[in-house]
Amino acid sequence: MIKVLIVDDQELIRVSLSIVLGGESDLEIVGVAENGKMATELVKELSPDIVLMDIHMPVMNGVEATAQIKSQFPEVKVMIVTTFEEIDYVREALVAGAEGYLLKAIHPKDLAAGIRLVHHGGTLITQEIAKQLISQWANPSIEVKKEKNKKNNFGLTEREIEVLVEISKGATNREIARKLFLTEGTVKNYISNIYSKLEVTGRQKAVFKAKEEGIISPLENM
């Protein structure tokens, strides 16, 4: 029996995954957690084989939690399951020690199969994410460009800055999604992260602070 701990700040996701994976005869859901800090505590208490870890959560994010879990319990396997396709998060999660990186849109049967694969020593990354990683490794200049674009101390990713620029132009979530080839749900997640990192509420405040800090050009919406 493979013992699984589910970590996600959305109750609907926790419940859904518990129901879906709980129906597999060889999987046992031993617990759920709503943030990374709770996850690290439950790993110590429940000794799961696999941790399904979200990335963006309050109190402690999934990358930091993964790093702590792997440093204290290296035998525990961590699989990142998120809606974010941003390559920066993939790299951070893998560096932290994660054995897998999947999108929440994955079919339940494929997720269960992935859990079995990782439990038996495999590493699982979707084909789309693998292509992005290979592309970056083949074009190291992309990384140099990214570093030059990080003009702030707020931890904003290049994609989040792109979303900020579109917000400054007055674009709606739907327009941003269409232009950047994202779903509206993903755009909402990016905007939520932007607010959190800039410590603001609302689009106008986010744009004002971004311009004030030199993250985006003062002329972006002119």
N, C-alpha and C. Protein backbone atom coordinates (compact mmCIF):
# COMPACT_ATOMS: atom_id res chain seq x y z
N MET A 1 0.84 -1.19 0.00
CA MET A 1 0.00 0.00 0.00
C MET A 1 0.88 1.25 0.00
N ILE A 2 0.61 2.17 -0.91
CA ILE A 2 1.36 3.42 -1.00
C ILE A 2 0.64 4.51 -0.21
N LYS A 3 1.29 5.05 0.80
CA LYS A 3 0.67 6.07 1.66
C LYS A 3 0.89 7.45 1.04
N VAL A 4 -0.20 8.19 0.84
CA VAL A 4 -0.16 9.48 0.15
C VAL A 4 -0.65 10.61 1.05
N LEU A 5 0.09 11.72 1.06
CA LEU A 5 -0.31 12.94 1.76
C LEU A 5 -0.62 14.00 0.70
N ILE A 6 -1.80 14.60 0.78
CA ILE A 6 -2.23 15.61 -0.20
C ILE A 6 -2.09 17.00 0.41
N VAL A 7 -1.39 17.89 -0.31
CA VAL A 7 -1.15 19.24 0.19
C VAL A 7 -1.64 20.26 -0.82
N ASP A 8 -2.67 21.03 -0.46
CA ASP A 8 -3.22 22.05 -1.36
C ASP A 8 -4.03 23.03 -0.53
N ASP A 9 -3.95 24.31 -0.86
CA ASP A 9 -4.69 25.30 -0.06
C ASP A 9 -6.17 25.38 -0.42
N GLN A 10 -6.58 24.71 -1.50
CA GLN A 10 -7.98 24.70 -1.89
C GLN A 10 -8.66 23.41 -1.41
N GLU A 11 -9.69 23.58 -0.58
CA GLU A 11 -10.38 22.43 -0.02
C GLU A 11 -10.97 21.54 -1.11
N LEU A 12 -11.50 22.15 -2.16
CA LEU A 12 -12.10 21.38 -3.25
C LEU A 12 -11.08 20.43 -3.87
N ILE A 13 -9.87 20.92 -4.07
CA ILE A 13 -8.81 20.08 -4.66
C ILE A 13 -8.45 18.95 -3.70
N ARG A 14 -8.32 19.27 -2.42
CA ARG A 14 -7.97 18.24 -1.44
C ARG A 14 -9.02 17.13 -1.40
N VAL A 15 -10.27 17.55 -1.38
CA VAL A 15 -11.35 16.57 -1.32
C VAL A 15 -11.41 15.74 -2.61
N SER A 16 -11.30 16.43 -3.75
CA SER A 16 -11.38 15.74 -5.04
C SER A 16 -10.28 14.70 -5.20
N LEU A 17 -9.05 15.10 -4.88
CA LEU A 17 -7.94 14.16 -5.00
C LEU A 17 -8.08 12.99 -4.02
N SER A 18 -8.59 13.29 -2.83
CA SER A 18 -8.78 12.24 -1.83
C SER A 18 -9.77 11.20 -2.33
N ILE A 19 -10.86 11.68 -2.94
CA ILE A 19 -11.89 10.77 -3.45
C ILE A 19 -11.36 9.94 -4.62
N VAL A 20 -10.74 10.65 -5.58
CA VAL A 20 -10.25 9.98 -6.79
C VAL A 20 -9.17 8.95 -6.47
N LEU A 21 -8.16 9.37 -5.72
CA LEU A 21 -7.05 8.47 -5.43
C LEU A 21 -7.42 7.42 -4.39
N GLY A 22 -8.37 7.76 -3.52
CA GLY A 22 -8.80 6.81 -2.51
C GLY A 22 -9.50 5.60 -3.11
N GLY A 23 -9.94 5.72 -4.35
CA GLY A 23 -10.59 4.61 -5.02
C GLY A 23 -9.62 3.60 -5.60
N GLU A 24 -8.33 3.93 -5.58
CA GLU A 24 -7.30 3.01 -6.08
C GLU A 24 -6.94 2.01 -4.98
N SER A 25 -6.96 0.75 -5.31
CA SER A 25 -6.77 -0.30 -4.29
C SER A 25 -5.40 -0.28 -3.61
N ASP A 26 -4.39 0.24 -4.30
CA ASP A 26 -3.04 0.22 -3.73
C ASP A 26 -2.60 1.57 -3.17
N LEU A 27 -3.53 2.55 -3.12
CA LEU A 27 -3.20 3.87 -2.59
C LEU A 27 -4.01 4.17 -1.33
N GLU A 28 -3.36 4.71 -0.32
CA GLU A 28 -4.04 5.08 0.92
C GLU A 28 -3.78 6.56 1.22
N ILE A 29 -4.84 7.36 1.33
CA ILE A 29 -4.69 8.77 1.67
C ILE A 29 -4.56 8.86 3.18
N VAL A 30 -3.37 9.14 3.68
CA VAL A 30 -3.14 9.15 5.12
C VAL A 30 -3.40 10.51 5.75
N GLY A 31 -3.50 11.57 4.93
CA GLY A 31 -3.76 12.88 5.49
C GLY A 31 -3.80 13.95 4.42
N VAL A 32 -4.28 15.14 4.80
CA VAL A 32 -4.31 16.30 3.91
C VAL A 32 -3.80 17.51 4.68
N ALA A 33 -3.21 18.46 3.95
CA ALA A 33 -2.69 19.68 4.56
C ALA A 33 -3.01 20.86 3.66
N GLU A 34 -3.21 22.03 4.26
CA GLU A 34 -3.59 23.21 3.48
C GLU A 34 -2.46 24.19 3.24
N ASN A 35 -1.27 23.88 3.77
CA ASN A 35 -0.10 24.72 3.49
C ASN A 35 1.17 23.92 3.75
N GLY A 36 2.30 24.48 3.32
CA GLY A 36 3.56 23.77 3.42
C GLY A 36 4.00 23.48 4.84
N LYS A 37 3.74 24.40 5.75
CA LYS A 37 4.15 24.21 7.15
C LYS A 37 3.42 23.01 7.75
N MET A 38 2.12 22.94 7.50
CA MET A 38 1.33 21.81 7.99
C MET A 38 1.82 20.51 7.36
N ALA A 39 2.21 20.59 6.10
CA ALA A 39 2.70 19.40 5.39
C ALA A 39 3.95 18.83 6.05
N THR A 40 4.89 19.70 6.39
CA THR A 40 6.14 19.22 7.01
C THR A 40 5.85 18.56 8.35
N GLU A 41 4.88 19.10 9.09
CA GLU A 41 4.53 18.52 10.38
C GLU A 41 3.86 17.16 10.21
N LEU A 42 2.98 17.05 9.19
CA LEU A 42 2.28 15.79 8.97
C LEU A 42 3.20 14.70 8.42
N VAL A 43 4.21 15.10 7.65
CA VAL A 43 5.17 14.12 7.16
C VAL A 43 5.88 13.45 8.33
N LYS A 44 6.24 14.25 9.32
CA LYS A 44 6.89 13.72 10.52
C LYS A 44 5.96 12.79 11.29
N GLU A 45 4.67 13.16 11.32
CA GLU A 45 3.70 12.39 12.10
C GLU A 45 3.19 11.15 11.38
N LEU A 46 2.97 11.26 10.06
CA LEU A 46 2.30 10.19 9.32
C LEU A 46 3.21 9.31 8.47
N SER A 47 4.44 9.76 8.22
CA SER A 47 5.40 9.01 7.41
C SER A 47 4.83 8.53 6.08
N PRO A 48 4.36 9.46 5.24
CA PRO A 48 3.81 9.06 3.93
C PRO A 48 4.93 8.62 2.99
N ASP A 49 4.56 7.85 1.97
CA ASP A 49 5.53 7.47 0.94
C ASP A 49 5.63 8.56 -0.12
N ILE A 50 4.48 9.17 -0.44
CA ILE A 50 4.38 10.18 -1.48
C ILE A 50 3.66 11.42 -0.94
N VAL A 51 4.18 12.59 -1.27
CA VAL A 51 3.49 13.85 -0.95
C VAL A 51 3.11 14.52 -2.26
N LEU A 52 1.81 14.76 -2.45
CA LEU A 52 1.35 15.53 -3.61
C LEU A 52 1.31 16.99 -3.18
N MET A 53 2.18 17.81 -3.73
CA MET A 53 2.42 19.16 -3.22
C MET A 53 2.01 20.25 -4.21
N ASP A 54 1.14 21.15 -3.75
CA ASP A 54 0.83 22.35 -4.52
C ASP A 54 1.99 23.32 -4.37
N ILE A 55 2.08 24.32 -5.25
CA ILE A 55 3.19 25.29 -5.15
C ILE A 55 2.79 26.54 -4.38
N HIS A 56 1.72 27.18 -4.82
CA HIS A 56 1.36 28.48 -4.23
C HIS A 56 0.36 28.30 -3.10
N MET A 57 0.86 28.45 -1.86
CA MET A 57 0.04 28.30 -0.67
C MET A 57 0.46 29.32 0.37
N PRO A 58 -0.45 29.69 1.26
CA PRO A 58 -0.09 30.63 2.32
C PRO A 58 0.81 29.97 3.36
N VAL A 59 1.38 30.78 4.25
CA VAL A 59 2.24 30.34 5.35
C VAL A 59 3.59 29.81 4.85
N MET A 60 3.57 28.76 4.02
CA MET A 60 4.80 28.22 3.42
C MET A 60 4.45 27.62 2.07
N ASN A 61 5.18 28.04 1.03
CA ASN A 61 4.86 27.54 -0.31
C ASN A 61 5.41 26.13 -0.53
N GLY A 62 5.02 25.55 -1.64
CA GLY A 62 5.37 24.17 -1.92
C GLY A 62 6.85 23.92 -2.16
N VAL A 63 7.54 24.89 -2.74
CA VAL A 63 8.98 24.73 -3.00
C VAL A 63 9.75 24.67 -1.68
N GLU A 64 9.44 25.62 -0.77
CA GLU A 64 10.11 25.64 0.52
C GLU A 64 9.79 24.40 1.34
N ALA A 65 8.52 23.98 1.29
CA ALA A 65 8.12 22.78 2.02
C ALA A 65 8.82 21.55 1.47
N THR A 66 8.94 21.48 0.15
CA THR A 66 9.63 20.35 -0.49
C THR A 66 11.07 20.28 -0.02
N ALA A 67 11.74 21.43 0.00
CA ALA A 67 13.14 21.47 0.43
C ALA A 67 13.29 20.99 1.87
N GLN A 68 12.38 21.42 2.74
CA GLN A 68 12.45 21.01 4.15
C GLN A 68 12.18 19.52 4.30
N ILE A 69 11.17 19.04 3.60
CA ILE A 69 10.83 17.62 3.70
C ILE A 69 11.97 16.74 3.19
N LYS A 70 12.54 17.11 2.05
CA LYS A 70 13.61 16.30 1.47
C LYS A 70 14.88 16.32 2.32
N SER A 71 15.12 17.44 3.01
CA SER A 71 16.32 17.52 3.84
C SER A 71 16.16 16.68 5.11
N GLN A 72 14.94 16.62 5.64
CA GLN A 72 14.69 15.88 6.88
C GLN A 72 14.29 14.43 6.62
N PHE A 73 13.56 14.20 5.53
CA PHE A 73 13.07 12.85 5.22
C PHE A 73 13.34 12.53 3.76
N PRO A 74 14.59 12.30 3.40
CA PRO A 74 14.96 12.09 1.99
C PRO A 74 14.27 10.89 1.34
N GLU A 75 13.79 9.96 2.15
CA GLU A 75 13.13 8.79 1.59
C GLU A 75 11.70 9.09 1.12
N VAL A 76 11.13 10.21 1.58
CA VAL A 76 9.77 10.59 1.17
C VAL A 76 9.83 11.21 -0.22
N LYS A 77 8.98 10.75 -1.13
CA LYS A 77 8.96 11.25 -2.49
C LYS A 77 7.95 12.41 -2.60
N VAL A 78 8.33 13.49 -3.26
CA VAL A 78 7.45 14.65 -3.42
C VAL A 78 7.12 14.86 -4.89
N MET A 79 5.83 14.96 -5.17
CA MET A 79 5.37 15.24 -6.53
C MET A 79 4.63 16.58 -6.52
N ILE A 80 5.12 17.53 -7.30
CA ILE A 80 4.46 18.83 -7.41
C ILE A 80 3.27 18.70 -8.35
N VAL A 81 2.08 19.08 -7.87
CA VAL A 81 0.87 19.04 -8.68
C VAL A 81 0.25 20.43 -8.64
N THR A 82 0.30 21.14 -9.75
CA THR A 82 -0.09 22.54 -9.74
C THR A 82 -0.74 22.96 -11.05
N THR A 83 -1.29 24.15 -11.08
CA THR A 83 -1.88 24.69 -12.31
C THR A 83 -0.85 25.52 -13.06
N PHE A 84 0.29 25.77 -12.47
CA PHE A 84 1.26 26.68 -13.06
C PHE A 84 2.22 25.97 -14.02
N GLU A 85 2.33 26.54 -15.23
CA GLU A 85 3.23 25.98 -16.22
C GLU A 85 4.53 26.78 -16.31
N GLU A 86 4.68 27.78 -15.45
CA GLU A 86 5.86 28.64 -15.49
C GLU A 86 7.13 27.81 -15.21
N ILE A 87 8.09 27.90 -16.10
CA ILE A 87 9.29 27.07 -16.02
C ILE A 87 10.11 27.35 -14.77
N ASP A 88 10.05 28.60 -14.26
CA ASP A 88 10.80 28.93 -13.06
C ASP A 88 10.39 28.05 -11.89
N TYR A 89 9.10 27.79 -11.77
CA TYR A 89 8.61 26.97 -10.68
C TYR A 89 9.07 25.53 -10.83
N VAL A 90 9.15 25.05 -12.05
CA VAL A 90 9.62 23.69 -12.30
C VAL A 90 11.05 23.55 -11.82
N ARG A 91 11.88 24.48 -12.24
CA ARG A 91 13.29 24.45 -11.87
C ARG A 91 13.46 24.50 -10.35
N GLU A 92 12.73 25.42 -9.70
CA GLU A 92 12.84 25.57 -8.25
C GLU A 92 12.41 24.28 -7.54
N ALA A 93 11.33 23.69 -8.00
CA ALA A 93 10.82 22.46 -7.37
C ALA A 93 11.80 21.31 -7.53
N LEU A 94 12.37 21.17 -8.74
CA LEU A 94 13.31 20.08 -8.98
C LEU A 94 14.60 20.28 -8.19
N VAL A 95 15.06 21.52 -8.11
CA VAL A 95 16.26 21.81 -7.31
C VAL A 95 16.00 21.49 -5.84
N ALA A 96 14.76 21.75 -5.39
CA ALA A 96 14.40 21.47 -4.00
C ALA A 96 14.35 19.98 -3.71
N GLY A 97 14.29 19.17 -4.76
CA GLY A 97 14.32 17.73 -4.57
C GLY A 97 13.10 16.97 -5.02
N ALA A 98 12.12 17.65 -5.63
CA ALA A 98 10.90 16.98 -6.08
C ALA A 98 11.21 15.91 -7.12
N GLU A 99 10.49 14.79 -7.05
CA GLU A 99 10.68 13.70 -8.01
C GLU A 99 9.71 13.77 -9.18
N GLY A 100 8.73 14.66 -9.10
CA GLY A 100 7.77 14.76 -10.18
C GLY A 100 7.14 16.14 -10.24
N TYR A 101 6.68 16.52 -11.43
CA TYR A 101 6.03 17.82 -11.61
C TYR A 101 4.90 17.63 -12.62
N LEU A 102 3.66 17.76 -12.13
CA LEU A 102 2.49 17.52 -12.96
C LEU A 102 1.51 18.68 -12.87
N LEU A 103 0.68 18.81 -13.88
CA LEU A 103 -0.36 19.83 -13.88
C LEU A 103 -1.66 19.21 -13.35
N LYS A 104 -2.47 20.01 -12.66
CA LYS A 104 -3.70 19.50 -12.06
C LYS A 104 -4.69 18.99 -13.09
N ALA A 105 -4.49 19.36 -14.33
CA ALA A 105 -5.41 18.92 -15.38
C ALA A 105 -5.17 17.46 -15.78
N ILE A 106 -4.17 16.83 -15.20
CA ILE A 106 -3.86 15.44 -15.55
C ILE A 106 -5.04 14.52 -15.22
N HIS A 107 -5.22 13.49 -16.04
CA HIS A 107 -6.29 12.51 -15.82
C HIS A 107 -6.00 11.74 -14.54
N PRO A 108 -7.02 11.49 -13.71
CA PRO A 108 -6.82 10.78 -12.44
C PRO A 108 -6.07 9.46 -12.57
N LYS A 109 -6.36 8.70 -13.63
CA LYS A 109 -5.67 7.43 -13.83
C LYS A 109 -4.19 7.64 -14.11
N ASP A 110 -3.88 8.72 -14.85
CA ASP A 110 -2.48 9.03 -15.13
C ASP A 110 -1.76 9.49 -13.86
N LEU A 111 -2.49 10.22 -13.01
CA LEU A 111 -1.91 10.66 -11.75
C LEU A 111 -1.59 9.46 -10.87
N ALA A 112 -2.52 8.53 -10.78
CA ALA A 112 -2.30 7.32 -9.98
C ALA A 112 -1.11 6.53 -10.53
N ALA A 113 -1.02 6.43 -11.85
CA ALA A 113 0.10 5.72 -12.46
C ALA A 113 1.41 6.44 -12.17
N GLY A 114 1.37 7.78 -12.18
CA GLY A 114 2.56 8.56 -11.88
C GLY A 114 3.03 8.35 -10.45
N ILE A 115 2.08 8.27 -9.53
CA ILE A 115 2.42 8.02 -8.13
C ILE A 115 3.13 6.68 -7.98
N ARG A 116 2.63 5.68 -8.68
CA ARG A 116 3.27 4.35 -8.62
C ARG A 116 4.69 4.39 -9.20
N LEU A 117 4.84 5.12 -10.30
CA LEU A 117 6.15 5.23 -10.94
C LEU A 117 7.17 5.89 -10.01
N VAL A 118 6.77 7.02 -9.41
CA VAL A 118 7.67 7.74 -8.50
C VAL A 118 7.96 6.91 -7.26
N HIS A 119 6.95 6.21 -6.76
CA HIS A 119 7.13 5.37 -5.57
C HIS A 119 8.19 4.29 -5.81
N HIS A 120 8.27 3.82 -7.05
CA HIS A 120 9.23 2.78 -7.38
C HIS A 120 10.56 3.33 -7.90
N GLY A 121 10.79 4.61 -7.65
CA GLY A 121 12.10 5.18 -7.95
C GLY A 121 12.20 6.00 -9.21
N GLY A 122 11.09 6.18 -9.93
CA GLY A 122 11.13 6.96 -11.16
C GLY A 122 10.99 8.45 -10.93
N THR A 123 11.22 9.22 -11.96
CA THR A 123 11.01 10.67 -11.94
C THR A 123 10.02 11.00 -13.04
N LEU A 124 9.04 11.84 -12.72
CA LEU A 124 7.97 12.11 -13.67
C LEU A 124 7.83 13.60 -13.97
N ILE A 125 8.01 13.94 -15.25
CA ILE A 125 7.80 15.31 -15.72
C ILE A 125 7.02 15.21 -17.03
N THR A 126 5.99 16.03 -17.19
CA THR A 126 5.19 15.95 -18.40
C THR A 126 6.02 16.32 -19.63
N GLN A 127 5.59 15.86 -20.77
CA GLN A 127 6.32 16.10 -22.01
C GLN A 127 6.45 17.59 -22.30
N GLU A 128 5.37 18.35 -22.03
CA GLU A 128 5.40 19.79 -22.29
C GLU A 128 6.46 20.49 -21.46
N ILE A 129 6.53 20.12 -20.17
CA ILE A 129 7.51 20.73 -19.28
C ILE A 129 8.92 20.31 -19.66
N ALA A 130 9.10 19.05 -20.02
CA ALA A 130 10.42 18.56 -20.44
C ALA A 130 10.93 19.34 -21.65
N LYS A 131 10.03 19.63 -22.59
CA LYS A 131 10.43 20.39 -23.78
C LYS A 131 10.91 21.79 -23.40
N GLN A 132 10.22 22.41 -22.44
CA GLN A 132 10.63 23.75 -22.00
C GLN A 132 12.01 23.72 -21.35
N LEU A 133 12.25 22.70 -20.52
CA LEU A 133 13.54 22.59 -19.85
C LEU A 133 14.66 22.37 -20.87
N ILE A 134 14.42 21.48 -21.82
CA ILE A 134 15.43 21.20 -22.85
C ILE A 134 15.72 22.45 -23.67
N SER A 135 14.65 23.21 -23.97
CA SER A 135 14.82 24.44 -24.74
C SER A 135 15.70 25.42 -24.00
N GLN A 136 15.52 25.54 -22.69
CA GLN A 136 16.33 26.48 -21.91
C GLN A 136 17.77 26.00 -21.82
N TRP A 137 17.96 24.70 -21.62
CA TRP A 137 19.32 24.17 -21.53
C TRP A 137 20.06 24.35 -22.87
N ALA A 138 19.31 24.24 -23.96
CA ALA A 138 19.91 24.39 -25.28
C ALA A 138 20.18 25.85 -25.63
N ASN A 139 19.48 26.76 -24.92
CA ASN A 139 19.64 28.20 -25.18
C ASN A 139 19.91 28.93 -23.88
N PRO A 140 21.12 28.79 -23.32
CA PRO A 140 21.45 29.40 -22.04
C PRO A 140 21.29 30.91 -22.03
N SER A 141 21.31 31.55 -23.21
CA SER A 141 21.16 33.00 -23.27
C SER A 141 19.81 33.44 -22.74
N ILE A 142 18.81 32.52 -22.78
CA ILE A 142 17.49 32.83 -22.25
C ILE A 142 17.58 33.11 -20.76
N GLU A 143 18.42 32.32 -20.07
CA GLU A 143 18.56 32.52 -18.63
C GLU A 143 19.22 33.86 -18.33
N VAL A 144 20.21 34.24 -19.15
CA VAL A 144 20.87 35.53 -18.96
C VAL A 144 19.87 36.65 -19.13
N LYS A 145 19.03 36.53 -20.14
CA LYS A 145 18.01 37.55 -20.40
C LYS A 145 17.05 37.66 -19.22
N LYS A 146 16.67 36.50 -18.65
CA LYS A 146 15.76 36.52 -17.52
C LYS A 146 16.37 37.26 -16.33
N GLU A 147 17.64 37.00 -16.09
CA GLU A 147 18.28 37.65 -14.96
C GLU A 147 18.31 39.17 -15.15
N LYS A 148 18.53 39.62 -16.37
CA LYS A 148 18.57 41.04 -16.64
C LYS A 148 17.20 41.68 -16.45
N ASN A 149 16.15 40.87 -16.70
CA ASN A 149 14.80 41.40 -16.59
C ASN A 149 14.29 41.47 -15.16
N LYS A 150 15.01 40.85 -14.24
CA LYS A 150 14.56 40.88 -12.85
C LYS A 150 15.08 42.15 -12.18
N LYS A 151 14.35 43.24 -12.35
CA LYS A 151 14.77 44.54 -11.85
C LYS A 151 14.19 44.82 -10.47
N ASN A 152 13.73 43.80 -9.79
CA ASN A 152 13.04 44.05 -8.53
C ASN A 152 13.47 43.07 -7.47
N ASN A 153 13.13 43.39 -6.24
CA ASN A 153 13.46 42.53 -5.12
C ASN A 153 12.20 41.86 -4.57
N PHE A 154 11.19 41.77 -5.38
CA PHE A 154 9.92 41.23 -4.92
C PHE A 154 9.70 39.78 -5.35
N GLY A 155 10.65 39.20 -6.07
CA GLY A 155 10.54 37.81 -6.47
C GLY A 155 9.57 37.56 -7.61
N LEU A 156 9.23 38.61 -8.36
CA LEU A 156 8.33 38.43 -9.50
C LEU A 156 9.04 37.67 -10.62
N THR A 157 8.35 36.73 -11.21
CA THR A 157 8.91 35.99 -12.33
C THR A 157 8.71 36.79 -13.62
N GLU A 158 9.37 36.36 -14.67
CA GLU A 158 9.23 37.05 -15.95
C GLU A 158 7.78 37.02 -16.44
N ARG A 159 7.11 35.88 -16.22
CA ARG A 159 5.71 35.76 -16.66
C ARG A 159 4.82 36.71 -15.86
N GLU A 160 5.07 36.83 -14.57
CA GLU A 160 4.28 37.74 -13.74
C GLU A 160 4.47 39.19 -14.17
N ILE A 161 5.69 39.52 -14.58
CA ILE A 161 5.95 40.87 -15.07
C ILE A 161 5.22 41.10 -16.38
N GLU A 162 5.17 40.07 -17.23
CA GLU A 162 4.41 40.18 -18.48
C GLU A 162 2.93 40.45 -18.21
N VAL A 163 2.39 39.76 -17.21
CA VAL A 163 0.99 39.97 -16.83
C VAL A 163 0.80 41.39 -16.30
N LEU A 164 1.76 41.86 -15.50
CA LEU A 164 1.70 43.22 -14.97
C LEU A 164 1.67 44.26 -16.09
N VAL A 165 2.48 44.05 -17.09
CA VAL A 165 2.52 44.98 -18.22
C VAL A 165 1.16 45.04 -18.90
N GLU A 166 0.54 43.89 -19.08
CA GLU A 166 -0.78 43.85 -19.72
C GLU A 166 -1.84 44.52 -18.84
N ILE A 167 -1.72 44.33 -17.53
CA ILE A 167 -2.65 44.99 -16.60
C ILE A 167 -2.50 46.51 -16.72
N SER A 168 -1.25 46.97 -16.84
CA SER A 168 -1.00 48.41 -16.94
C SER A 168 -1.60 49.01 -18.21
N LYS A 169 -1.83 48.15 -19.21
CA LYS A 169 -2.43 48.60 -20.46
C LYS A 169 -3.95 48.55 -20.41
N GLY A 170 -4.48 48.10 -19.26
CA GLY A 170 -5.92 48.04 -19.10
C GLY A 170 -6.55 46.77 -19.62
N ALA A 171 -5.76 45.75 -19.89
CA ALA A 171 -6.29 44.51 -20.44
C ALA A 171 -7.08 43.73 -19.39
N THR A 172 -8.14 43.07 -19.83
CA THR A 172 -8.93 42.22 -18.94
C THR A 172 -8.23 40.87 -18.79
N ASN A 173 -8.68 40.07 -17.83
CA ASN A 173 -8.11 38.73 -17.64
C ASN A 173 -8.23 37.90 -18.91
N ARG A 174 -9.38 38.02 -19.57
CA ARG A 174 -9.60 37.26 -20.80
C ARG A 174 -8.62 37.69 -21.89
N GLU A 175 -8.41 39.00 -22.01
CA GLU A 175 -7.48 39.52 -23.03
C GLU A 175 -6.05 39.09 -22.73
N ILE A 176 -5.69 39.12 -21.44
CA ILE A 176 -4.34 38.69 -21.05
C ILE A 176 -4.15 37.21 -21.36
N ALA A 177 -5.17 36.41 -21.04
CA ALA A 177 -5.09 34.97 -21.29
C ALA A 177 -4.90 34.69 -22.78
N ARG A 178 -5.65 35.41 -23.60
CA ARG A 178 -5.58 35.19 -25.05
C ARG A 178 -4.19 35.59 -25.58
N LYS A 179 -3.67 36.71 -25.12
CA LYS A 179 -2.39 37.21 -25.64
C LYS A 179 -1.21 36.34 -25.20
N LEU A 180 -1.26 35.87 -23.93
CA LEU A 180 -0.12 35.11 -23.39
C LEU A 180 -0.33 33.59 -23.48
N PHE A 181 -1.42 33.18 -24.16
CA PHE A 181 -1.71 31.76 -24.36
C PHE A 181 -1.85 31.03 -23.01
N LEU A 182 -2.64 31.61 -22.12
CA LEU A 182 -2.90 31.03 -20.81
C LEU A 182 -4.40 30.85 -20.63
N THR A 183 -4.80 30.13 -19.60
CA THR A 183 -6.21 30.07 -19.25
C THR A 183 -6.53 31.25 -18.34
N GLU A 184 -7.80 31.63 -18.27
CA GLU A 184 -8.18 32.73 -17.39
C GLU A 184 -7.89 32.39 -15.93
N GLY A 185 -8.05 31.12 -15.58
CA GLY A 185 -7.76 30.69 -14.22
C GLY A 185 -6.29 30.89 -13.86
N THR A 186 -5.41 30.59 -14.83
CA THR A 186 -3.98 30.78 -14.60
C THR A 186 -3.64 32.25 -14.46
N VAL A 187 -4.29 33.09 -15.28
CA VAL A 187 -4.07 34.54 -15.18
C VAL A 187 -4.48 35.03 -13.80
N LYS A 188 -5.61 34.56 -13.30
CA LYS A 188 -6.07 34.97 -11.97
C LYS A 188 -5.06 34.56 -10.90
N ASN A 189 -4.48 33.38 -11.06
CA ASN A 189 -3.47 32.92 -10.10
C ASN A 189 -2.23 33.81 -10.14
N TYR A 190 -1.81 34.18 -11.36
CA TYR A 190 -0.66 35.07 -11.48
C TYR A 190 -0.94 36.42 -10.82
N ILE A 191 -2.13 36.96 -11.05
CA ILE A 191 -2.49 38.26 -10.49
C ILE A 191 -2.52 38.18 -8.96
N SER A 192 -3.04 37.09 -8.43
CA SER A 192 -3.06 36.90 -6.98
C SER A 192 -1.64 36.88 -6.42
N ASN A 193 -0.73 36.21 -7.13
CA ASN A 193 0.68 36.17 -6.70
C ASN A 193 1.31 37.54 -6.76
N ILE A 194 0.98 38.30 -7.81
CA ILE A 194 1.52 39.65 -7.97
C ILE A 194 1.09 40.52 -6.80
N TYR A 195 -0.19 40.47 -6.45
CA TYR A 195 -0.70 41.25 -5.31
C TYR A 195 0.05 40.87 -4.03
N SER A 196 0.23 39.56 -3.84
CA SER A 196 0.88 39.08 -2.63
C SER A 196 2.33 39.54 -2.55
N LYS A 197 3.05 39.41 -3.67
CA LYS A 197 4.47 39.77 -3.67
C LYS A 197 4.69 41.27 -3.54
N LEU A 198 3.80 42.05 -4.15
CA LEU A 198 3.93 43.52 -4.08
C LEU A 198 3.26 44.08 -2.83
N GLU A 199 2.52 43.21 -2.13
CA GLU A 199 1.79 43.61 -0.91
C GLU A 199 0.81 44.74 -1.21
N VAL A 200 -0.02 44.51 -2.22
CA VAL A 200 -1.03 45.50 -2.61
C VAL A 200 -2.37 44.79 -2.81
N THR A 201 -3.42 45.58 -2.92
CA THR A 201 -4.74 45.05 -3.25
C THR A 201 -5.27 45.85 -4.43
N GLY A 202 -5.58 45.20 -5.51
CA GLY A 202 -6.14 45.87 -6.67
C GLY A 202 -5.14 46.16 -7.77
N ARG A 203 -5.67 46.25 -8.98
CA ARG A 203 -4.84 46.44 -10.17
C ARG A 203 -4.11 47.78 -10.17
N GLN A 204 -4.83 48.83 -9.85
CA GLN A 204 -4.22 50.17 -9.92
C GLN A 204 -3.04 50.29 -8.96
N LYS A 205 -3.21 49.75 -7.75
CA LYS A 205 -2.13 49.81 -6.77
C LYS A 205 -0.93 48.98 -7.22
N ALA A 206 -1.22 47.83 -7.84
CA ALA A 206 -0.14 46.96 -8.33
C ALA A 206 0.66 47.66 -9.42
N VAL A 207 -0.05 48.28 -10.36
CA VAL A 207 0.61 48.98 -11.46
C VAL A 207 1.40 50.17 -10.93
N PHE A 208 0.81 50.93 -10.01
CA PHE A 208 1.50 52.10 -9.45
C PHE A 208 2.80 51.69 -8.77
N LYS A 209 2.74 50.64 -7.94
CA LYS A 209 3.94 50.22 -7.22
C LYS A 209 4.98 49.66 -8.17
N ALA A 210 4.53 48.90 -9.18
CA ALA A 210 5.45 48.32 -10.15
C ALA A 210 6.22 49.42 -10.90
N LYS A 211 5.52 50.49 -11.24
CA LYS A 211 6.18 51.61 -11.93
C LYS A 211 7.10 52.37 -10.98
N GLU A 212 6.62 52.55 -9.76
CA GLU A 212 7.41 53.27 -8.75
C GLU A 212 8.72 52.55 -8.45
N GLU A 213 8.67 51.21 -8.46
CA GLU A 213 9.85 50.41 -8.15
C GLU A 213 10.70 50.11 -9.39
N GLY A 214 10.25 50.57 -10.55
CA GLY A 214 11.01 50.35 -11.77
C GLY A 214 10.87 48.95 -12.35
N ILE A 215 9.85 48.22 -11.90
CA ILE A 215 9.63 46.86 -12.41
C ILE A 215 9.13 46.91 -13.85
N ILE A 216 8.23 47.85 -14.12
CA ILE A 216 7.76 48.08 -15.49
C ILE A 216 7.95 49.55 -15.81
N SER A 217 7.99 49.87 -17.09
CA SER A 217 8.22 51.25 -17.51
C SER A 217 7.05 52.16 -17.17
N PRO A 218 7.31 53.38 -16.74
CA PRO A 218 6.24 54.33 -16.46
C PRO A 218 5.41 54.65 -17.70
N LEU A 219 5.95 54.31 -18.88
CA LEU A 219 5.26 54.63 -20.12
C LEU A 219 4.48 53.46 -20.68
N GLU A 220 4.40 52.35 -19.94
CA GLU A 220 3.79 51.13 -20.47
C GLU A 220 2.37 51.33 -20.98
N ASN A 221 1.56 52.14 -20.28
CA ASN A 221 0.16 52.28 -20.68
C ASN A 221 -0.10 53.57 -21.42
N MET A 222 0.94 54.19 -21.93
CA MET A 222 0.76 55.45 -22.65
C MET A 222 0.88 55.23 -24.15
